[in-house]
Amino acid sequence: MHIETARLRLIPCTQEQLPVITRQNYQNGPEITNHLKALEQDPSLLFWGSWLIIRQADDVIIGDAGFKGKPDRDGEVEIGYGLLEHY
């Protein structure tokens, strides 16, 4: 699953993206690492965590966005996002 616009692609962050994250030296805070650890413990968090924001033109990760866990008992979720400063 992914979300696409003319300029961006959002994909759920999984261990499969780790080589790209490492190769691009993507560092935007602890959220990705925390999400991947939580995902190992609970695979049902797949779409309820970090999503990578990728620029379509060159496949560069420019940020991440996502949910901070599953909905609470009221059906609410907290969202967050962060873009690298130069983007």
Protein backbone atom coordinates (compact mmCIF):
# COMPACT_ATOMS: atom_id res chain seq x y z
CA MET A 1 0.00 0.00 0.00
CA HIS A 2 1.18 3.52 -0.76
CA ILE A 3 -0.20 6.99 -1.45
CA GLU A 4 0.95 8.93 -4.50
CA THR A 5 0.66 12.48 -5.75
CA ALA A 6 2.31 14.03 -8.79
CA ARG A 7 5.39 14.89 -6.72
CA LEU A 8 5.38 12.63 -3.65
CA ARG A 9 4.95 9.01 -2.62
CA LEU A 10 4.14 7.93 0.93
CA ILE A 11 4.96 4.36 1.92
CA PRO A 12 4.62 2.64 5.30
CA CYS A 13 8.02 2.34 6.95
CA THR A 14 9.12 -1.27 7.42
CA GLN A 15 12.38 -3.15 7.75
CA GLU A 16 12.34 -3.47 3.94
CA GLN A 17 13.09 0.27 3.62
CA LEU A 18 15.98 0.15 6.09
CA PRO A 19 18.68 -0.21 3.36
CA VAL A 20 17.36 2.90 1.57
CA ILE A 21 17.08 4.83 4.84
CA THR A 22 20.67 3.89 5.66
CA ARG A 23 22.03 4.56 2.17
CA GLN A 24 20.43 8.02 2.10
CA ASN A 25 21.57 8.67 5.68
CA TYR A 26 18.02 9.74 6.49
CA GLN A 27 17.89 11.09 10.04
CA ASN A 28 14.85 13.01 11.22
CA GLY A 29 14.56 12.13 14.88
CA PRO A 30 13.85 8.88 16.72
CA GLU A 31 10.41 8.12 15.29
CA ILE A 32 11.54 5.72 12.55
CA THR A 33 13.70 3.68 14.91
CA ASN A 34 10.97 3.62 17.57
CA HIS A 35 8.36 2.60 15.00
CA LEU A 36 10.47 -0.24 13.59
CA LYS A 37 11.08 -1.62 17.11
CA ALA A 38 7.37 -1.44 17.93
CA LEU A 39 6.49 -3.06 14.60
CA GLU A 40 8.72 -6.03 15.42
CA GLN A 41 6.77 -6.55 18.64
CA ASP A 42 3.32 -5.92 17.11
CA PRO A 43 2.97 -6.34 13.32
CA SER A 44 -0.59 -4.95 13.47
CA LEU A 45 0.99 -1.49 13.86
CA LEU A 46 2.06 -1.55 10.18
CA PHE A 47 -0.18 1.30 8.99
CA TRP A 48 -0.40 3.01 12.40
CA GLY A 49 3.17 4.28 12.54
CA SER A 50 5.68 6.09 10.38
CA TRP A 51 5.29 6.58 6.64
CA LEU A 52 8.22 7.75 4.54
CA ILE A 53 7.69 10.79 2.33
CA ILE A 54 9.61 10.22 -0.91
CA ARG A 55 10.13 12.74 -3.71
CA GLN A 56 9.02 11.08 -6.94
CA ALA A 57 11.57 12.86 -9.17
CA ASP A 58 14.61 11.18 -7.60
CA ASP A 59 13.32 8.72 -4.94
CA VAL A 60 14.86 10.77 -2.12
CA ILE A 61 13.30 10.50 1.34
CA ILE A 62 12.46 14.07 2.33
CA GLY A 63 10.59 13.39 5.55
CA ASP A 64 8.18 11.14 7.39
CA ALA A 65 4.65 11.38 8.67
CA GLY A 66 2.20 9.11 10.33
CA PHE A 67 0.18 8.05 13.28
CA LYS A 68 1.43 7.73 16.82
CA GLY A 69 -0.23 4.38 17.35
CA LYS A 70 -3.66 2.90 16.86
CA PRO A 71 -6.86 4.80 17.66
CA ASP A 72 -7.65 5.17 21.35
CA ARG A 73 -10.93 4.09 22.93
CA ASP A 74 -12.60 7.22 21.51
CA GLY A 75 -11.37 6.40 18.01
CA GLU A 76 -8.87 9.24 17.99
CA VAL A 77 -5.28 9.10 16.77
CA GLU A 78 -2.44 11.54 17.07
CA ILE A 79 -0.57 12.37 13.88
CA GLY A 80 2.83 13.88 13.34
CA TYR A 81 5.11 14.81 10.50
CA GLY A 82 8.60 16.08 9.92
CA LEU A 83 10.42 17.22 6.81
CA LEU A 84 14.16 17.57 6.52
CA GLU A 85 15.04 21.24 6.84
CA HIS A 86 16.37 21.65 3.30
CA TYR A 87 13.09 20.35 1.81
